[in-house]
Amino acid sequence: YCLSKNPNAIHLLEKNLDKIDWRNLSENPNAIHLLEQNLDKINWIMLSLNPNAIHLLEQNFDKIYWNCLSLNPNAIHLLEQNLGKIDWMCLSENSNAIYLLEQNFDKINWWALSFNPNAIHMLEQNLDKINWTRLSGNPNAIHLLEQNLDKIDWYWLSGNPNAIHLLEQNVDKIIWRHLSCNQNAIHLLEQNLDKIC
């Protein structure tokens, strides 16, 4: 199940086709050749998220799941051509969709945009619309969080790879379960082995 989603496990999956979880494989960016050979097994919801599957989606337009495609960073041209099918909440989180969002400002979902690492300039200009919980997990929003310490959600900040210095200054506020997933927090975890999840 999990291996089918792993982009570095293709050689193992090719030797064990009978064990593949096709739902997860449909999202695997390195599995396009396997999916092309097994069109009947594709999960089109997950494939709509796959950044390397755009040509397959274009060939099977009627099978696209537009809410998932709205999250796909490589699907911007398809979304531009089908504005009426866009899921604007999902698009608001798509880091490659900034100019589309700027052109459709009234459709922005600010909860989702607050997590978008490429939307910082939009968030800076609309501080009253920010969702601070989601912003706390945004790796490019550290300067905004430093200026608004009282609004930080420490659960989300604990998983933010660019927030290590803030976490080091506020060890008592760390949510250790979420910090255990943070790839830049190894030194903090090594110093607190009893708190690792």
N, C-alpha and C. Protein backbone atom coordinates (compact mmCIF):
# COMPACT_ATOMS: atom_id res chain seq x y z
N TYR A 1 0.83 -1.21 0.00
CA TYR A 1 0.00 0.00 0.00
C TYR A 1 0.86 1.26 0.00
N CYS A 2 1.76 1.36 0.97
CA CYS A 2 2.63 2.54 1.08
C CYS A 2 3.71 2.53 0.01
N LEU A 3 4.25 1.38 -0.29
CA LEU A 3 5.31 1.28 -1.28
C LEU A 3 4.83 1.76 -2.65
N SER A 4 3.56 1.54 -2.94
CA SER A 4 3.01 1.94 -4.24
C SER A 4 3.06 3.45 -4.45
N LYS A 5 3.13 4.20 -3.38
CA LYS A 5 3.19 5.65 -3.46
C LYS A 5 4.63 6.17 -3.51
N ASN A 6 5.57 5.32 -3.21
CA ASN A 6 6.98 5.71 -3.10
C ASN A 6 7.60 5.90 -4.48
N PRO A 7 8.01 7.14 -4.83
CA PRO A 7 8.57 7.37 -6.17
C PRO A 7 9.90 6.68 -6.41
N ASN A 8 10.57 6.25 -5.37
CA ASN A 8 11.86 5.58 -5.53
C ASN A 8 11.75 4.05 -5.51
N ALA A 9 10.53 3.54 -5.51
CA ALA A 9 10.34 2.08 -5.41
C ALA A 9 9.84 1.45 -6.70
N ILE A 10 9.96 2.15 -7.80
CA ILE A 10 9.40 1.65 -9.06
C ILE A 10 9.98 0.29 -9.45
N HIS A 11 11.28 0.11 -9.27
CA HIS A 11 11.90 -1.17 -9.64
C HIS A 11 11.32 -2.34 -8.83
N LEU A 12 10.95 -2.09 -7.58
CA LEU A 12 10.32 -3.13 -6.76
C LEU A 12 8.88 -3.38 -7.20
N LEU A 13 8.20 -2.31 -7.53
CA LEU A 13 6.80 -2.44 -7.95
C LEU A 13 6.69 -3.16 -9.29
N GLU A 14 7.62 -2.88 -10.19
CA GLU A 14 7.60 -3.54 -11.51
C GLU A 14 7.73 -5.06 -11.37
N LYS A 15 8.43 -5.51 -10.34
CA LYS A 15 8.63 -6.95 -10.13
C LYS A 15 7.50 -7.58 -9.32
N ASN A 16 6.60 -6.75 -8.81
CA ASN A 16 5.51 -7.25 -7.95
C ASN A 16 4.18 -6.60 -8.33
N LEU A 17 3.84 -6.69 -9.59
CA LEU A 17 2.62 -6.05 -10.09
C LEU A 17 1.37 -6.52 -9.35
N ASP A 18 1.37 -7.77 -8.91
CA ASP A 18 0.19 -8.32 -8.23
C ASP A 18 -0.01 -7.74 -6.83
N LYS A 19 1.00 -7.06 -6.31
CA LYS A 19 0.91 -6.50 -4.95
C LYS A 19 0.63 -4.99 -4.96
N ILE A 20 0.62 -4.39 -6.11
CA ILE A 20 0.48 -2.92 -6.22
C ILE A 20 -0.89 -2.47 -5.71
N ASP A 21 -0.88 -1.37 -4.99
CA ASP A 21 -2.11 -0.67 -4.65
C ASP A 21 -2.28 0.41 -5.73
N TRP A 22 -3.20 0.20 -6.64
CA TRP A 22 -3.33 1.06 -7.82
C TRP A 22 -3.81 2.45 -7.49
N ARG A 23 -4.51 2.60 -6.38
CA ARG A 23 -4.94 3.93 -5.95
C ARG A 23 -3.72 4.79 -5.64
N ASN A 24 -2.82 4.27 -4.83
CA ASN A 24 -1.61 5.00 -4.48
C ASN A 24 -0.66 5.12 -5.66
N LEU A 25 -0.58 4.09 -6.48
CA LEU A 25 0.30 4.15 -7.64
C LEU A 25 -0.15 5.26 -8.60
N SER A 26 -1.44 5.51 -8.66
CA SER A 26 -1.97 6.54 -9.56
C SER A 26 -1.45 7.93 -9.21
N GLU A 27 -1.03 8.11 -7.97
CA GLU A 27 -0.48 9.40 -7.54
C GLU A 27 1.05 9.44 -7.64
N ASN A 28 1.66 8.30 -7.88
CA ASN A 28 3.12 8.20 -7.92
C ASN A 28 3.66 8.85 -9.20
N PRO A 29 4.45 9.92 -9.07
CA PRO A 29 4.92 10.64 -10.26
C PRO A 29 5.88 9.84 -11.15
N ASN A 30 6.48 8.79 -10.61
CA ASN A 30 7.42 7.99 -11.40
C ASN A 30 6.80 6.72 -11.97
N ALA A 31 5.49 6.57 -11.84
CA ALA A 31 4.84 5.33 -12.26
C ALA A 31 4.01 5.49 -13.54
N ILE A 32 4.24 6.54 -14.28
CA ILE A 32 3.40 6.82 -15.45
C ILE A 32 3.42 5.66 -16.44
N HIS A 33 4.58 5.08 -16.69
CA HIS A 33 4.65 3.97 -17.66
C HIS A 33 3.82 2.77 -17.20
N LEU A 34 3.79 2.49 -15.90
CA LEU A 34 2.97 1.39 -15.38
C LEU A 34 1.49 1.70 -15.52
N LEU A 35 1.15 2.95 -15.29
CA LEU A 35 -0.25 3.36 -15.40
C LEU A 35 -0.73 3.33 -16.85
N GLU A 36 0.12 3.74 -17.76
CA GLU A 36 -0.23 3.72 -19.19
C GLU A 36 -0.50 2.29 -19.67
N GLN A 37 0.19 1.33 -19.06
CA GLN A 37 0.02 -0.08 -19.44
C GLN A 37 -1.18 -0.72 -18.75
N ASN A 38 -1.77 0.00 -17.78
CA ASN A 38 -2.88 -0.55 -16.99
C ASN A 38 -3.97 0.50 -16.78
N LEU A 39 -4.45 1.05 -17.88
CA LEU A 39 -5.43 2.14 -17.81
C LEU A 39 -6.68 1.76 -17.02
N ASP A 40 -7.06 0.51 -17.08
CA ASP A 40 -8.27 0.05 -16.39
C ASP A 40 -8.12 0.02 -14.87
N LYS A 41 -6.88 0.12 -14.38
CA LYS A 41 -6.63 0.06 -12.93
C LYS A 41 -6.37 1.44 -12.32
N ILE A 42 -6.34 2.46 -13.16
CA ILE A 42 -6.05 3.81 -12.67
C ILE A 42 -7.16 4.31 -11.76
N ASN A 43 -6.75 4.96 -10.69
CA ASN A 43 -7.68 5.71 -9.85
C ASN A 43 -7.61 7.15 -10.33
N TRP A 44 -8.65 7.62 -10.99
CA TRP A 44 -8.62 8.92 -11.66
C TRP A 44 -8.62 10.08 -10.68
N ILE A 45 -9.12 9.85 -9.49
CA ILE A 45 -9.06 10.91 -8.46
C ILE A 45 -7.60 11.19 -8.13
N MET A 46 -6.86 10.13 -7.83
CA MET A 46 -5.46 10.29 -7.46
C MET A 46 -4.61 10.71 -8.66
N LEU A 47 -4.94 10.21 -9.84
CA LEU A 47 -4.18 10.59 -11.03
C LEU A 47 -4.32 12.09 -11.30
N SER A 48 -5.46 12.66 -10.96
CA SER A 48 -5.67 14.09 -11.17
C SER A 48 -4.72 14.93 -10.33
N LEU A 49 -4.17 14.34 -9.28
CA LEU A 49 -3.17 15.01 -8.43
C LEU A 49 -1.74 14.84 -8.97
N ASN A 50 -1.54 13.87 -9.83
CA ASN A 50 -0.19 13.47 -10.26
C ASN A 50 0.39 14.50 -11.23
N PRO A 51 1.47 15.17 -10.85
CA PRO A 51 2.05 16.22 -11.69
C PRO A 51 2.61 15.72 -13.01
N ASN A 52 2.91 14.42 -13.10
CA ASN A 52 3.48 13.87 -14.33
C ASN A 52 2.45 13.20 -15.23
N ALA A 53 1.18 13.32 -14.87
CA ALA A 53 0.13 12.61 -15.61
C ALA A 53 -0.72 13.52 -16.50
N ILE A 54 -0.25 14.71 -16.76
CA ILE A 54 -1.06 15.68 -17.50
C ILE A 54 -1.48 15.14 -18.86
N HIS A 55 -0.57 14.51 -19.58
CA HIS A 55 -0.94 13.98 -20.91
C HIS A 55 -2.02 12.90 -20.82
N LEU A 56 -1.96 12.06 -19.79
CA LEU A 56 -3.00 11.04 -19.59
C LEU A 56 -4.35 11.68 -19.27
N LEU A 57 -4.31 12.73 -18.50
CA LEU A 57 -5.55 13.43 -18.14
C LEU A 57 -6.13 14.14 -19.36
N GLU A 58 -5.28 14.73 -20.16
CA GLU A 58 -5.75 15.40 -21.38
C GLU A 58 -6.41 14.41 -22.34
N GLN A 59 -5.88 13.19 -22.36
CA GLN A 59 -6.44 12.14 -23.23
C GLN A 59 -7.73 11.54 -22.67
N ASN A 60 -7.98 11.76 -21.38
CA ASN A 60 -9.16 11.21 -20.71
C ASN A 60 -9.87 12.32 -19.95
N PHE A 61 -10.18 13.37 -20.68
CA PHE A 61 -10.71 14.60 -20.11
C PHE A 61 -11.96 14.37 -19.25
N ASP A 62 -12.78 13.43 -19.66
CA ASP A 62 -14.03 13.16 -18.95
C ASP A 62 -13.81 12.48 -17.60
N LYS A 63 -12.59 12.01 -17.34
CA LYS A 63 -12.30 11.31 -16.08
C LYS A 63 -11.58 12.19 -15.06
N ILE A 64 -11.32 13.42 -15.43
CA ILE A 64 -10.61 14.34 -14.52
C ILE A 64 -11.48 14.67 -13.31
N TYR A 65 -10.86 14.68 -12.15
CA TYR A 65 -11.50 15.18 -10.92
C TYR A 65 -10.95 16.58 -10.70
N TRP A 66 -11.80 17.55 -10.94
CA TRP A 66 -11.35 18.94 -11.02
C TRP A 66 -10.88 19.51 -9.68
N ASN A 67 -11.45 19.02 -8.58
CA ASN A 67 -10.96 19.52 -7.29
C ASN A 67 -9.52 19.08 -7.06
N CYS A 68 -9.19 17.83 -7.42
CA CYS A 68 -7.80 17.36 -7.29
C CYS A 68 -6.91 18.02 -8.32
N LEU A 69 -7.40 18.18 -9.53
CA LEU A 69 -6.60 18.83 -10.57
C LEU A 69 -6.27 20.26 -10.17
N SER A 70 -7.15 20.90 -9.42
CA SER A 70 -6.92 22.28 -8.98
C SER A 70 -5.71 22.38 -8.05
N LEU A 71 -5.33 21.26 -7.45
CA LEU A 71 -4.13 21.21 -6.60
C LEU A 71 -2.87 20.87 -7.39
N ASN A 72 -3.03 20.38 -8.60
CA ASN A 72 -1.91 19.87 -9.39
C ASN A 72 -1.08 21.03 -9.93
N PRO A 73 0.19 21.12 -9.52
CA PRO A 73 1.03 22.25 -9.94
C PRO A 73 1.32 22.32 -11.43
N ASN A 74 1.17 21.20 -12.14
CA ASN A 74 1.46 21.17 -13.57
C ASN A 74 0.22 21.28 -14.45
N ALA A 75 -0.91 21.55 -13.85
CA ALA A 75 -2.17 21.57 -14.60
C ALA A 75 -2.70 22.98 -14.85
N ILE A 76 -1.88 23.98 -14.66
CA ILE A 76 -2.35 25.36 -14.75
C ILE A 76 -2.97 25.66 -16.11
N HIS A 77 -2.37 25.18 -17.18
CA HIS A 77 -2.94 25.46 -18.52
C HIS A 77 -4.33 24.85 -18.69
N LEU A 78 -4.55 23.65 -18.14
CA LEU A 78 -5.87 23.03 -18.19
C LEU A 78 -6.89 23.81 -17.36
N LEU A 79 -6.44 24.30 -16.24
CA LEU A 79 -7.32 25.06 -15.35
C LEU A 79 -7.69 26.41 -15.98
N GLU A 80 -6.72 27.04 -16.60
CA GLU A 80 -6.98 28.33 -17.28
C GLU A 80 -8.05 28.18 -18.35
N GLN A 81 -8.04 27.05 -19.03
CA GLN A 81 -8.99 26.80 -20.12
C GLN A 81 -10.36 26.35 -19.61
N ASN A 82 -10.45 26.07 -18.31
CA ASN A 82 -11.69 25.55 -17.73
C ASN A 82 -11.98 26.22 -16.39
N LEU A 83 -12.02 27.54 -16.40
CA LEU A 83 -12.20 28.30 -15.15
C LEU A 83 -13.45 27.89 -14.39
N GLY A 84 -14.48 27.51 -15.09
CA GLY A 84 -15.73 27.13 -14.44
C GLY A 84 -15.67 25.81 -13.69
N LYS A 85 -14.63 25.03 -13.91
CA LYS A 85 -14.50 23.73 -13.25
C LYS A 85 -13.51 23.75 -12.08
N ILE A 86 -12.87 24.88 -11.89
CA ILE A 86 -11.86 24.99 -10.84
C ILE A 86 -12.50 24.90 -9.46
N ASP A 87 -11.82 24.18 -8.56
CA ASP A 87 -12.17 24.21 -7.14
C ASP A 87 -11.25 25.28 -6.54
N TRP A 88 -11.82 26.43 -6.22
CA TRP A 88 -11.02 27.60 -5.82
C TRP A 88 -10.34 27.42 -4.47
N MET A 89 -10.93 26.59 -3.60
CA MET A 89 -10.25 26.32 -2.33
C MET A 89 -8.95 25.56 -2.61
N CYS A 90 -9.03 24.52 -3.43
CA CYS A 90 -7.83 23.75 -3.76
C CYS A 90 -6.84 24.59 -4.54
N LEU A 91 -7.33 25.38 -5.48
CA LEU A 91 -6.43 26.22 -6.27
C LEU A 91 -5.70 27.23 -5.39
N SER A 92 -6.36 27.70 -4.35
CA SER A 92 -5.74 28.67 -3.44
C SER A 92 -4.50 28.11 -2.75
N GLU A 93 -4.41 26.79 -2.69
CA GLU A 93 -3.24 26.15 -2.08
C GLU A 93 -2.18 25.77 -3.12
N ASN A 94 -2.51 25.88 -4.40
CA ASN A 94 -1.60 25.49 -5.48
C ASN A 94 -0.52 26.56 -5.66
N SER A 95 0.72 26.20 -5.40
CA SER A 95 1.82 27.17 -5.41
C SER A 95 2.12 27.72 -6.81
N ASN A 96 1.65 27.06 -7.86
CA ASN A 96 1.88 27.56 -9.22
C ASN A 96 0.71 28.38 -9.77
N ALA A 97 -0.29 28.64 -8.96
CA ALA A 97 -1.50 29.29 -9.45
C ALA A 97 -1.65 30.74 -9.01
N ILE A 98 -0.57 31.36 -8.57
CA ILE A 98 -0.67 32.69 -7.99
C ILE A 98 -1.29 33.71 -8.95
N TYR A 99 -0.84 33.75 -10.19
CA TYR A 99 -1.39 34.77 -11.08
C TYR A 99 -2.86 34.52 -11.39
N LEU A 100 -3.29 33.24 -11.43
CA LEU A 100 -4.71 32.94 -11.61
C LEU A 100 -5.52 33.43 -10.42
N LEU A 101 -4.96 33.28 -9.25
CA LEU A 101 -5.62 33.75 -8.03
C LEU A 101 -5.67 35.28 -8.00
N GLU A 102 -4.60 35.91 -8.40
CA GLU A 102 -4.57 37.37 -8.44
C GLU A 102 -5.62 37.92 -9.40
N GLN A 103 -5.87 37.20 -10.49
CA GLN A 103 -6.87 37.62 -11.47
C GLN A 103 -8.30 37.32 -11.02
N ASN A 104 -8.43 36.46 -10.01
CA ASN A 104 -9.76 36.06 -9.50
C ASN A 104 -9.79 36.23 -7.98
N PHE A 105 -9.42 37.41 -7.55
CA PHE A 105 -9.23 37.72 -6.13
C PHE A 105 -10.46 37.38 -5.29
N ASP A 106 -11.64 37.61 -5.86
CA ASP A 106 -12.88 37.37 -5.12
C ASP A 106 -13.16 35.89 -4.88
N LYS A 107 -12.43 35.00 -5.57
CA LYS A 107 -12.66 33.56 -5.41
C LYS A 107 -11.64 32.89 -4.49
N ILE A 108 -10.69 33.65 -4.00
CA ILE A 108 -9.64 33.10 -3.14
C ILE A 108 -10.24 32.54 -1.86
N ASN A 109 -9.74 31.38 -1.47
CA ASN A 109 -10.05 30.81 -0.17
C ASN A 109 -8.86 31.12 0.73
N TRP A 110 -9.05 32.01 1.67
CA TRP A 110 -7.92 32.51 2.47
C TRP A 110 -7.38 31.48 3.45
N TRP A 111 -8.22 30.54 3.86
CA TRP A 111 -7.76 29.44 4.71
C TRP A 111 -6.69 28.65 3.96
N ALA A 112 -6.98 28.29 2.71
CA ALA A 112 -6.03 27.52 1.90
C ALA A 112 -4.84 28.37 1.48
N LEU A 113 -5.09 29.62 1.11
CA LEU A 113 -4.01 30.50 0.65
C LEU A 113 -2.98 30.73 1.76
N SER A 114 -3.41 30.71 3.00
CA SER A 114 -2.50 30.95 4.13
C SER A 114 -1.39 29.91 4.20
N PHE A 115 -1.60 28.76 3.60
CA PHE A 115 -0.60 27.69 3.60
C PHE A 115 0.26 27.70 2.33
N ASN A 116 -0.09 28.54 1.37
CA ASN A 116 0.58 28.57 0.07
C ASN A 116 1.92 29.31 0.18
N PRO A 117 3.05 28.62 -0.02
CA PRO A 117 4.35 29.27 0.17
C PRO A 117 4.65 30.38 -0.84
N ASN A 118 3.95 30.39 -1.97
CA ASN A 118 4.20 31.43 -2.98
C ASN A 118 3.23 32.60 -2.89
N ALA A 119 2.39 32.61 -1.87
CA ALA A 119 1.37 33.65 -1.75
C ALA A 119 1.69 34.69 -0.67
N ILE A 120 2.91 34.72 -0.20
CA ILE A 120 3.27 35.60 0.91
C ILE A 120 2.96 37.06 0.60
N HIS A 121 3.25 37.52 -0.60
CA HIS A 121 2.97 38.93 -0.93
C HIS A 121 1.48 39.24 -0.84
N MET A 122 0.64 38.29 -1.19
CA MET A 122 -0.81 38.49 -1.09
C MET A 122 -1.26 38.50 0.37
N LEU A 123 -0.66 37.64 1.16
CA LEU A 123 -1.00 37.56 2.58
C LEU A 123 -0.53 38.81 3.32
N GLU A 124 0.65 39.30 2.97
CA GLU A 124 1.16 40.52 3.61
C GLU A 124 0.23 41.70 3.38
N GLN A 125 -0.42 41.73 2.22
CA GLN A 125 -1.31 42.83 1.89
C GLN A 125 -2.74 42.63 2.42
N ASN A 126 -3.00 41.47 3.01
CA ASN A 126 -4.34 41.15 3.50
C ASN A 126 -4.25 40.44 4.86
N LEU A 127 -3.57 41.07 5.80
CA LEU A 127 -3.35 40.45 7.11
C LEU A 127 -4.65 40.07 7.81
N ASP A 128 -5.70 40.83 7.57
CA ASP A 128 -6.98 40.56 8.22
C ASP A 128 -7.67 39.29 7.69
N LYS A 129 -7.20 38.78 6.55
CA LYS A 129 -7.82 37.59 5.96
C LYS A 129 -7.03 36.31 6.26
N ILE A 130 -5.88 36.44 6.86
CA ILE A 130 -5.00 35.28 7.12
C ILE A 130 -5.64 34.32 8.11
N ASN A 131 -5.47 33.03 7.83
CA ASN A 131 -5.78 31.99 8.80
C ASN A 131 -4.46 31.65 9.49
N TRP A 132 -4.30 32.08 10.72
CA TRP A 132 -3.01 31.97 11.40
C TRP A 132 -2.61 30.54 11.74
N THR A 133 -3.60 29.67 11.88
CA THR A 133 -3.29 28.25 12.10
C THR A 133 -2.56 27.70 10.89
N ARG A 134 -3.12 27.91 9.71
CA ARG A 134 -2.50 27.42 8.48
C ARG A 134 -1.19 28.15 8.18
N LEU A 135 -1.16 29.45 8.45
CA LEU A 135 0.06 30.22 8.20
C LEU A 135 1.22 29.72 9.05
N SER A 136 0.91 29.19 10.22
CA SER A 136 1.96 28.68 11.11
C SER A 136 2.73 27.52 10.50
N GLY A 137 2.13 26.84 9.52
CA GLY A 137 2.81 25.75 8.84
C GLY A 137 3.46 26.17 7.53
N ASN A 138 3.29 27.43 7.15
CA ASN A 138 3.82 27.92 5.87
C ASN A 138 5.32 28.22 6.01
N PRO A 139 6.17 27.50 5.28
CA PRO A 139 7.62 27.68 5.44
C PRO A 139 8.13 29.06 5.03
N ASN A 140 7.37 29.80 4.24
CA ASN A 140 7.82 31.12 3.80
C ASN A 140 7.21 32.26 4.61
N ALA A 141 6.51 31.94 5.67
CA ALA A 141 5.80 32.97 6.44
C ALA A 141 6.46 33.28 7.78
N ILE A 142 7.68 32.87 7.98
CA ILE A 142 8.33 33.03 9.29
C ILE A 142 8.36 34.48 9.73
N HIS A 143 8.66 35.40 8.83
CA HIS A 143 8.73 36.83 9.23
C HIS A 143 7.36 37.33 9.71
N LEU A 144 6.28 36.87 9.10
CA LEU A 144 4.93 37.26 9.55
C LEU A 144 4.62 36.67 10.93
N LEU A 145 5.05 35.44 11.12
CA LEU A 145 4.82 34.78 12.41
C LEU A 145 5.64 35.43 13.53
N GLU A 146 6.87 35.83 13.22
CA GLU A 146 7.72 36.50 14.21
C GLU A 146 7.09 37.83 14.65
N GLN A 147 6.37 38.47 13.74
CA GLN A 147 5.73 39.75 14.06
C GLN A 147 4.39 39.55 14.77
N ASN A 148 3.90 38.32 14.84
CA ASN A 148 2.59 38.03 15.43
C ASN A 148 2.67 36.77 16.29
N LEU A 149 3.59 36.76 17.23
CA LEU A 149 3.82 35.57 18.06
C LEU A 149 2.56 35.09 18.78
N ASP A 150 1.69 36.02 19.13
CA ASP A 150 0.47 35.66 19.87
C ASP A 150 -0.54 34.91 19.00
N LYS A 151 -0.34 34.92 17.68
CA LYS A 151 -1.28 34.26 16.78
C LYS A 151 -0.79 32.90 16.28
N ILE A 152 0.39 32.50 16.69
CA ILE A 152 0.98 31.24 16.23
C ILE A 152 0.20 30.04 16.75
N ASP A 153 0.00 29.07 15.88
CA ASP A 153 -0.53 27.77 16.26
C ASP A 153 0.70 26.85 16.40
N TRP A 154 1.01 26.47 17.61
CA TRP A 154 2.27 25.77 17.88
C TRP A 154 2.29 24.35 17.34
N TYR A 155 1.12 23.75 17.15
CA TYR A 155 1.08 22.44 16.52
C TYR A 155 1.63 22.54 15.10
N TRP A 156 1.07 23.47 14.31
CA TRP A 156 1.50 23.63 12.93
C TRP A 156 2.93 24.15 12.85
N LEU A 157 3.30 25.04 13.75
CA LEU A 157 4.67 25.57 13.73
C LEU A 157 5.69 24.47 14.04
N SER A 158 5.32 23.52 14.87
CA SER A 158 6.23 22.43 15.23
C SER A 158 6.62 21.59 14.02
N GLY A 159 5.79 21.56 13.01
CA GLY A 159 6.10 20.82 11.79
C GLY A 159 6.72 21.67 10.70
N ASN A 160 6.84 22.97 10.95
CA ASN A 160 7.35 23.89 9.93
C ASN A 160 8.88 23.80 9.86
N PRO A 161 9.43 23.37 8.72
CA PRO A 161 10.88 23.17 8.63
C PRO A 161 11.71 24.45 8.75
N ASN A 162 11.09 25.60 8.54
CA ASN A 162 11.83 26.87 8.63
C ASN A 162 11.64 27.60 9.96
N ALA A 163 10.98 26.95 10.90
CA ALA A 163 10.68 27.61 12.17
C ALA A 163 11.54 27.13 13.33
N ILE A 164 12.62 26.47 13.04
CA ILE A 164 13.44 25.86 14.10
C ILE A 164 13.89 26.89 15.14
N HIS A 165 14.33 28.05 14.69
CA HIS A 165 14.81 29.05 15.67
C HIS A 165 13.68 29.51 16.60
N LEU A 166 12.46 29.61 16.10
CA LEU A 166 11.32 29.96 16.95
C LEU A 166 11.00 28.84 17.94
N LEU A 167 11.12 27.63 17.48
CA LEU A 167 10.87 26.48 18.35
C LEU A 167 11.94 26.35 19.42
N GLU A 168 13.19 26.61 19.05
CA GLU A 168 14.29 26.56 20.03
C GLU A 168 14.09 27.60 21.13
N GLN A 169 13.49 28.74 20.77
CA GLN A 169 13.24 29.81 21.75
C GLN A 169 11.99 29.55 22.59
N ASN A 170 11.17 28.57 22.18
CA ASN A 170 9.90 28.29 22.86
C ASN A 170 9.71 26.78 23.02
N VAL A 171 10.70 26.13 23.58
CA VAL A 171 10.69 24.67 23.71
C VAL A 171 9.46 24.19 24.48
N ASP A 172 8.99 24.98 25.42
CA ASP A 172 7.84 24.59 26.22
C ASP A 172 6.53 24.57 25.41
N LYS A 173 6.54 25.17 24.22
CA LYS A 173 5.32 25.22 23.39
C LYS A 173 5.35 24.20 22.25
N ILE A 174 6.45 23.48 22.12
CA ILE A 174 6.58 22.50 21.04
C ILE A 174 5.55 21.38 21.20
N ILE A 175 4.96 20.99 20.09
CA ILE A 175 4.11 19.79 20.05
C ILE A 175 5.01 18.69 19.47
N TRP A 176 5.49 17.82 20.35
CA TRP A 176 6.55 16.88 20.00
C TRP A 176 6.13 15.86 18.95
N ARG A 177 4.87 15.51 18.95
CA ARG A 177 4.37 14.56 17.94
C ARG A 177 4.57 15.14 16.54
N HIS A 178 4.25 16.42 16.38
CA HIS A 178 4.40 17.05 15.07
C HIS A 178 5.87 17.38 14.78
N LEU A 179 6.62 17.73 15.80
CA LEU A 179 8.05 18.00 15.61
C LEU A 179 8.78 16.74 15.12
N SER A 180 8.29 15.58 15.52
CA SER A 180 8.92 14.32 15.12
C SER A 180 8.87 14.11 13.61
N CYS A 181 8.00 14.82 12.91
CA CYS A 181 7.91 14.75 11.43
C CYS A 181 8.76 15.82 10.76
N ASN A 182 9.32 16.73 11.52
CA ASN A 182 10.03 17.89 10.97
C ASN A 182 11.47 17.51 10.64
N GLN A 183 11.80 17.52 9.34
CA GLN A 183 13.12 17.07 8.90
C GLN A 183 14.26 17.96 9.38
N ASN A 184 13.96 19.18 9.79
CA ASN A 184 15.02 20.09 10.26
C ASN A 184 15.15 20.11 11.78
N ALA A 185 14.43 19.24 12.47
CA ALA A 185 14.41 19.27 13.93
C ALA A 185 15.18 18.13 14.58
N ILE A 186 16.01 17.46 13.82
CA ILE A 186 16.70 16.28 14.35
C ILE A 186 17.49 16.60 15.61
N HIS A 187 18.19 17.72 15.63
CA HIS A 187 18.99 18.05 16.82
C HIS A 187 18.11 18.25 18.06
N LEU A 188 16.93 18.83 17.88
CA LEU A 188 16.00 19.00 19.01
C LEU A 188 15.47 17.65 19.47
N LEU A 189 15.21 16.76 18.52
CA LEU A 189 14.72 15.43 18.87
C LEU A 189 15.81 14.61 19.57
N GLU A 190 17.05 14.74 19.12
CA GLU A 190 18.15 14.03 19.75
C GLU A 190 18.34 14.48 21.20
N GLN A 191 18.05 15.74 21.46
CA GLN A 191 18.19 16.28 22.82
C GLN A 191 16.99 15.92 23.70
N ASN A 192 15.95 15.40 23.11
CA ASN A 192 14.70 15.09 23.85
C ASN A 192 14.14 13.74 23.42
N LEU A 193 14.96 12.70 23.50
CA LEU A 193 14.57 11.38 23.02
C LEU A 193 13.29 10.86 23.68
N ASP A 194 13.05 11.23 24.90
CA ASP A 194 11.86 10.76 25.61
C ASP A 194 10.57 11.37 25.08
N LYS A 195 10.67 12.43 24.28
CA LYS A 195 9.49 13.11 23.77
C LYS A 195 9.18 12.77 22.33
N ILE A 196 10.02 11.99 21.68
CA ILE A 196 9.83 11.64 20.27
C ILE A 196 8.60 10.77 20.10
N CYS A 197 7.85 11.06 19.05
CA CYS A 197 6.74 10.17 18.67
C CYS A 197 7.32 9.23 17.62
